[in-house]
Amino acid sequence: MTQKNLQAWEVKESDYPSQGTTEERLLSLLRYAILAPSGPNTQPWKFAINANTVSVFADLKRSLPFVDPSNRTLFMSVGCALANLVIAGVHFGFYPSVNYFSRGKESDLVAEVRFEPGGRAKGDLLSQIPRRHTIKDRYEISRASIFVT
């Protein structure tokens, strides 16, 4: 049995509800978004779905003022979740359009992503999202970790 804290990593492409409602499909995309790296594993993001749009928020309650006083790492982490969301959307046949709101500490709304039917991207990265992991040991380069385009 998989540990409860690792269940999020059990996302499978075959679980995507291609015949589901837009909300069900966007919820499925969020399963990939939450796998983004976050420093120091704070997962400082929140999402809201409205029709075919996902609002991406920084969860400022998860800030670490002594480690990250300017919230730089927090917003970089939210950006990683946003990137995963867009990658998943493209993979599953959406054309994402992103509007950014860069008001920093004045607003927790970071971006809104509108998903319209579209094509697939060249060089699809979806399969790499669940493969990403953090390791505290010495890093070793393997043939599988080298990407050549």
C-alpha atoms as a PDB file:
ATOM      1  CA  MET A   1       0.000   0.000   0.000  1.00  0.00           C
ATOM      2  CA  THR A   2       1.299   3.432  -0.948  1.00  0.00           C
ATOM      3  CA  GLN A   3       1.851   5.924   1.832  1.00  0.00           C
ATOM      4  CA  LYS A   4      -0.917   8.511   2.013  1.00  0.00           C
ATOM      5  CA  ASN A   5       1.484  11.403   1.306  1.00  0.00           C
ATOM      6  CA  LEU A   6       2.545   9.778  -1.978  1.00  0.00           C
ATOM      7  CA  GLN A   7      -0.955   9.148  -3.370  1.00  0.00           C
ATOM      8  CA  ALA A   8      -0.918  12.370  -5.410  1.00  0.00           C
ATOM      9  CA  TRP A   9       1.933  10.874  -7.470  1.00  0.00           C
ATOM     10  CA  GLU A  10      -0.296   8.012  -8.623  1.00  0.00           C
ATOM     11  CA  VAL A  11      -1.848  10.177 -11.344  1.00  0.00           C
ATOM     12  CA  LYS A  12      -2.313   8.299 -14.615  1.00  0.00           C
ATOM     13  CA  GLU A  13      -2.965   9.657 -18.071  1.00  0.00           C
ATOM     14  CA  SER A  14      -5.688   7.017 -18.494  1.00  0.00           C
ATOM     15  CA  ASP A  15      -7.609   8.548 -15.547  1.00  0.00           C
ATOM     16  CA  TYR A  16      -8.286  11.727 -17.535  1.00  0.00           C
ATOM     17  CA  PRO A  17     -12.074  12.103 -18.026  1.00  0.00           C
ATOM     18  CA  SER A  18     -12.011  12.921 -21.752  1.00  0.00           C
ATOM     19  CA  GLN A  19     -15.815  12.594 -21.940  1.00  0.00           C
ATOM     20  CA  GLY A  20     -16.372  14.450 -18.655  1.00  0.00           C
ATOM     21  CA  THR A  21     -17.587  17.979 -18.046  1.00  0.00           C
ATOM     22  CA  THR A  22     -15.191  20.890 -18.410  1.00  0.00           C
ATOM     23  CA  GLU A  23     -14.993  21.116 -14.622  1.00  0.00           C
ATOM     24  CA  GLU A  24     -14.092  17.424 -14.312  1.00  0.00           C
ATOM     25  CA  ARG A  25     -11.415  17.787 -16.978  1.00  0.00           C
ATOM     26  CA  LEU A  26      -9.922  20.895 -15.342  1.00  0.00           C
ATOM     27  CA  LEU A  27      -9.915  19.158 -11.950  1.00  0.00           C
ATOM     28  CA  SER A  28      -7.956  16.359 -13.586  1.00  0.00           C
ATOM     29  CA  LEU A  29      -5.392  18.883 -14.886  1.00  0.00           C
ATOM     30  CA  LEU A  30      -4.952  20.156 -11.334  1.00  0.00           C
ATOM     31  CA  ARG A  31      -3.744  16.691 -10.328  1.00  0.00           C
ATOM     32  CA  TYR A  32      -0.647  17.461 -12.416  1.00  0.00           C
ATOM     33  CA  ALA A  33      -0.346  21.070 -11.247  1.00  0.00           C
ATOM     34  CA  ILE A  34      -0.015  20.052  -7.592  1.00  0.00           C
ATOM     35  CA  LEU A  35       2.977  17.858  -8.374  1.00  0.00           C
ATOM     36  CA  ALA A  36       5.093  20.973  -8.937  1.00  0.00           C
ATOM     37  CA  PRO A  37       8.207  21.470  -6.846  1.00  0.00           C
ATOM     38  CA  SER A  38       7.887  23.965  -4.038  1.00  0.00           C
ATOM     39  CA  GLY A  39      10.463  25.382  -1.735  1.00  0.00           C
ATOM     40  CA  PRO A  40      10.691  24.101   1.087  1.00  0.00           C
ATOM     41  CA  ASN A  41       7.850  21.753   0.139  1.00  0.00           C
ATOM     42  CA  THR A  42       5.222  24.280   1.249  1.00  0.00           C
ATOM     43  CA  GLN A  43       2.923  23.770  -1.760  1.00  0.00           C
ATOM     44  CA  PRO A  44       1.836  27.438  -1.600  1.00  0.00           C
ATOM     45  CA  TRP A  45      -0.886  27.395  -4.246  1.00  0.00           C
ATOM     46  CA  LYS A  46      -4.647  27.470  -4.430  1.00  0.00           C
ATOM     47  CA  PHE A  47      -6.894  27.101  -7.452  1.00  0.00           C
ATOM     48  CA  ALA A  48     -10.435  28.078  -8.366  1.00  0.00           C
ATOM     49  CA  ILE A  49     -12.359  26.808 -11.387  1.00  0.00           C
ATOM     50  CA  ASN A  50     -14.959  28.990 -13.076  1.00  0.00           C
ATOM     51  CA  ALA A  51     -16.379  27.649 -16.360  1.00  0.00           C
ATOM     52  CA  ASN A  52     -13.290  27.055 -18.556  1.00  0.00           C
ATOM     53  CA  THR A  53     -10.918  29.195 -16.471  1.00  0.00           C
ATOM     54  CA  VAL A  54      -8.611  28.235 -13.610  1.00  0.00           C
ATOM     55  CA  SER A  55      -7.527  31.027 -11.267  1.00  0.00           C
ATOM     56  CA  VAL A  56      -4.128  30.391  -9.704  1.00  0.00           C
ATOM     57  CA  PHE A  57      -3.482  31.920  -6.284  1.00  0.00           C
ATOM     58  CA  ALA A  58      -0.466  32.156  -4.017  1.00  0.00           C
ATOM     59  CA  ASP A  59      -1.401  30.800  -0.596  1.00  0.00           C
ATOM     60  CA  LEU A  60       0.335  33.495   1.418  1.00  0.00           C
ATOM     61  CA  LYS A  61      -0.566  31.699   4.665  1.00  0.00           C
ATOM     62  CA  ARG A  62       2.138  29.217   3.690  1.00  0.00           C
ATOM     63  CA  SER A  63       4.855  31.843   3.450  1.00  0.00           C
ATOM     64  CA  LEU A  64       8.022  31.379   5.492  1.00  0.00           C
ATOM     65  CA  PRO A  65       9.140  34.912   6.391  1.00  0.00           C
ATOM     66  CA  PHE A  66      12.392  33.846   8.059  1.00  0.00           C
ATOM     67  CA  VAL A  67      13.481  31.624   5.149  1.00  0.00           C
ATOM     68  CA  ASP A  68      11.895  33.563   2.264  1.00  0.00           C
ATOM     69  CA  PRO A  69      11.216  37.141   3.462  1.00  0.00           C
ATOM     70  CA  SER A  70      10.341  38.494   0.000  1.00  0.00           C
ATOM     71  CA  ASN A  71       8.218  35.434  -0.955  1.00  0.00           C
ATOM     72  CA  ARG A  72      10.454  34.950  -3.979  1.00  0.00           C
ATOM     73  CA  THR A  73      10.585  31.169  -3.563  1.00  0.00           C
ATOM     74  CA  LEU A  74       6.856  31.052  -2.826  1.00  0.00           C
ATOM     75  CA  PHE A  75       5.986  32.784  -6.108  1.00  0.00           C
ATOM     76  CA  MET A  76       8.501  30.650  -8.038  1.00  0.00           C
ATOM     77  CA  SER A  77       6.739  27.586  -6.629  1.00  0.00           C
ATOM     78  CA  VAL A  78       3.356  28.904  -7.763  1.00  0.00           C
ATOM     79  CA  GLY A  79       4.904  29.493 -11.192  1.00  0.00           C
ATOM     80  CA  CYS A  80       5.974  25.837 -11.309  1.00  0.00           C
ATOM     81  CA  ALA A  81       2.407  24.736 -10.524  1.00  0.00           C
ATOM     82  CA  LEU A  82       1.148  27.076 -13.250  1.00  0.00           C
ATOM     83  CA  ALA A  83       3.639  25.573 -15.737  1.00  0.00           C
ATOM     84  CA  ASN A  84       2.484  22.031 -14.876  1.00  0.00           C
ATOM     85  CA  LEU A  85      -1.148  23.103 -15.332  1.00  0.00           C
ATOM     86  CA  VAL A  86      -0.434  24.531 -18.790  1.00  0.00           C
ATOM     87  CA  ILE A  87       1.596  21.464 -19.842  1.00  0.00           C
ATOM     88  CA  ALA A  88      -1.237  19.152 -18.772  1.00  0.00           C
ATOM     89  CA  GLY A  89      -3.815  21.316 -20.533  1.00  0.00           C
ATOM     90  CA  VAL A  90      -1.932  21.254 -23.819  1.00  0.00           C
ATOM     91  CA  HIS A  91      -1.398  17.507 -23.560  1.00  0.00           C
ATOM     92  CA  PHE A  92      -5.097  16.843 -23.126  1.00  0.00           C
ATOM     93  CA  GLY A  93      -6.149  18.945 -26.101  1.00  0.00           C
ATOM     94  CA  PHE A  94      -6.631  22.432 -24.682  1.00  0.00           C
ATOM     95  CA  TYR A  95      -5.141  25.694 -25.848  1.00  0.00           C
ATOM     96  CA  PRO A  96      -4.344  27.581 -22.633  1.00  0.00           C
ATOM     97  CA  SER A  97      -4.299  31.369 -22.582  1.00  0.00           C
ATOM     98  CA  VAL A  98      -2.619  32.833 -19.484  1.00  0.00           C
ATOM     99  CA  ASN A  99      -3.224  36.274 -17.984  1.00  0.00           C
ATOM    100  CA  TYR A 100      -0.711  37.202 -15.301  1.00  0.00           C
ATOM    101  CA  PHE A 101      -1.399  39.483 -12.340  1.00  0.00           C
ATOM    102  CA  SER A 102       1.910  40.610 -10.899  1.00  0.00           C
ATOM    103  CA  ARG A 103       0.900  42.700  -7.906  1.00  0.00           C
ATOM    104  CA  GLY A 104       3.139  40.777  -5.519  1.00  0.00           C
ATOM    105  CA  LYS A 105       2.156  41.013  -1.867  1.00  0.00           C
ATOM    106  CA  GLU A 106      -0.829  43.229  -2.689  1.00  0.00           C
ATOM    107  CA  SER A 107      -2.793  40.317  -4.185  1.00  0.00           C
ATOM    108  CA  ASP A 108      -2.699  36.565  -3.934  1.00  0.00           C
ATOM    109  CA  LEU A 109      -4.119  36.126  -7.476  1.00  0.00           C
ATOM    110  CA  VAL A 110      -1.154  35.214  -9.664  1.00  0.00           C
ATOM    111  CA  ALA A 111      -2.760  34.195 -12.965  1.00  0.00           C
ATOM    112  CA  GLU A 112      -5.899  33.081 -14.732  1.00  0.00           C
ATOM    113  CA  VAL A 113      -5.678  30.348 -17.332  1.00  0.00           C
ATOM    114  CA  ARG A 114      -8.467  30.063 -19.879  1.00  0.00           C
ATOM    115  CA  PHE A 115      -8.686  26.653 -21.547  1.00  0.00           C
ATOM    116  CA  GLU A 116     -10.090  26.483 -25.068  1.00  0.00           C
ATOM    117  CA  PRO A 117     -10.149  23.450 -27.363  1.00  0.00           C
ATOM    118  CA  GLY A 118      -6.882  23.317 -29.313  1.00  0.00           C
ATOM    119  CA  GLY A 119      -4.089  21.069 -30.456  1.00  0.00           C
ATOM    120  CA  ARG A 120      -1.170  19.313 -28.844  1.00  0.00           C
ATOM    121  CA  ALA A 121       2.274  20.724 -28.311  1.00  0.00           C
ATOM    122  CA  LYS A 122       5.388  19.375 -29.961  1.00  0.00           C
ATOM    123  CA  GLY A 123       7.721  17.759 -27.448  1.00  0.00           C
ATOM    124  CA  ASP A 124       5.025  16.841 -24.929  1.00  0.00           C
ATOM    125  CA  LEU A 125       6.298  17.004 -21.320  1.00  0.00           C
ATOM    126  CA  LEU A 126       3.333  15.509 -19.437  1.00  0.00           C
ATOM    127  CA  SER A 127       5.056  12.194 -18.770  1.00  0.00           C
ATOM    128  CA  GLN A 128       7.890  14.029 -17.020  1.00  0.00           C
ATOM    129  CA  ILE A 129       5.667  15.696 -14.393  1.00  0.00           C
ATOM    130  CA  PRO A 130       5.071  12.600 -12.226  1.00  0.00           C
ATOM    131  CA  ARG A 131       8.700  11.517 -12.676  1.00  0.00           C
ATOM    132  CA  ARG A 132      10.035  14.643 -10.971  1.00  0.00           C
ATOM    133  CA  HIS A 133      11.004  14.102  -7.364  1.00  0.00           C
ATOM    134  CA  THR A 134      13.197  15.549  -4.694  1.00  0.00           C
ATOM    135  CA  ILE A 135      16.109  13.586  -3.380  1.00  0.00           C
ATOM    136  CA  LYS A 136      18.344  14.573  -0.515  1.00  0.00           C
ATOM    137  CA  ASP A 137      21.169  12.219  -1.562  1.00  0.00           C
ATOM    138  CA  ARG A 138      24.013  12.828  -3.957  1.00  0.00           C
ATOM    139  CA  TYR A 139      22.739  13.482  -7.483  1.00  0.00           C
ATOM    140  CA  GLU A 140      23.649  10.908 -10.088  1.00  0.00           C
ATOM    141  CA  ILE A 141      23.256  11.428 -13.816  1.00  0.00           C
ATOM    142  CA  SER A 142      21.692   8.519 -15.609  1.00  0.00           C
ATOM    143  CA  ARG A 143      20.954   8.073 -19.271  1.00  0.00           C
ATOM    144  CA  ALA A 144      17.228   8.411 -18.466  1.00  0.00           C
ATOM    145  CA  SER A 145      17.755  11.876 -16.941  1.00  0.00           C
ATOM    146  CA  ILE A 146      19.388  13.373 -20.035  1.00  0.00           C
ATOM    147  CA  PHE A 147      17.041  14.986 -22.534  1.00  0.00           C
ATOM    148  CA  VAL A 148      18.241  15.720 -26.038  1.00  0.00           C
ATOM    149  CA  THR A 149      16.090  17.736 -28.432  1.00  0.00           C
END
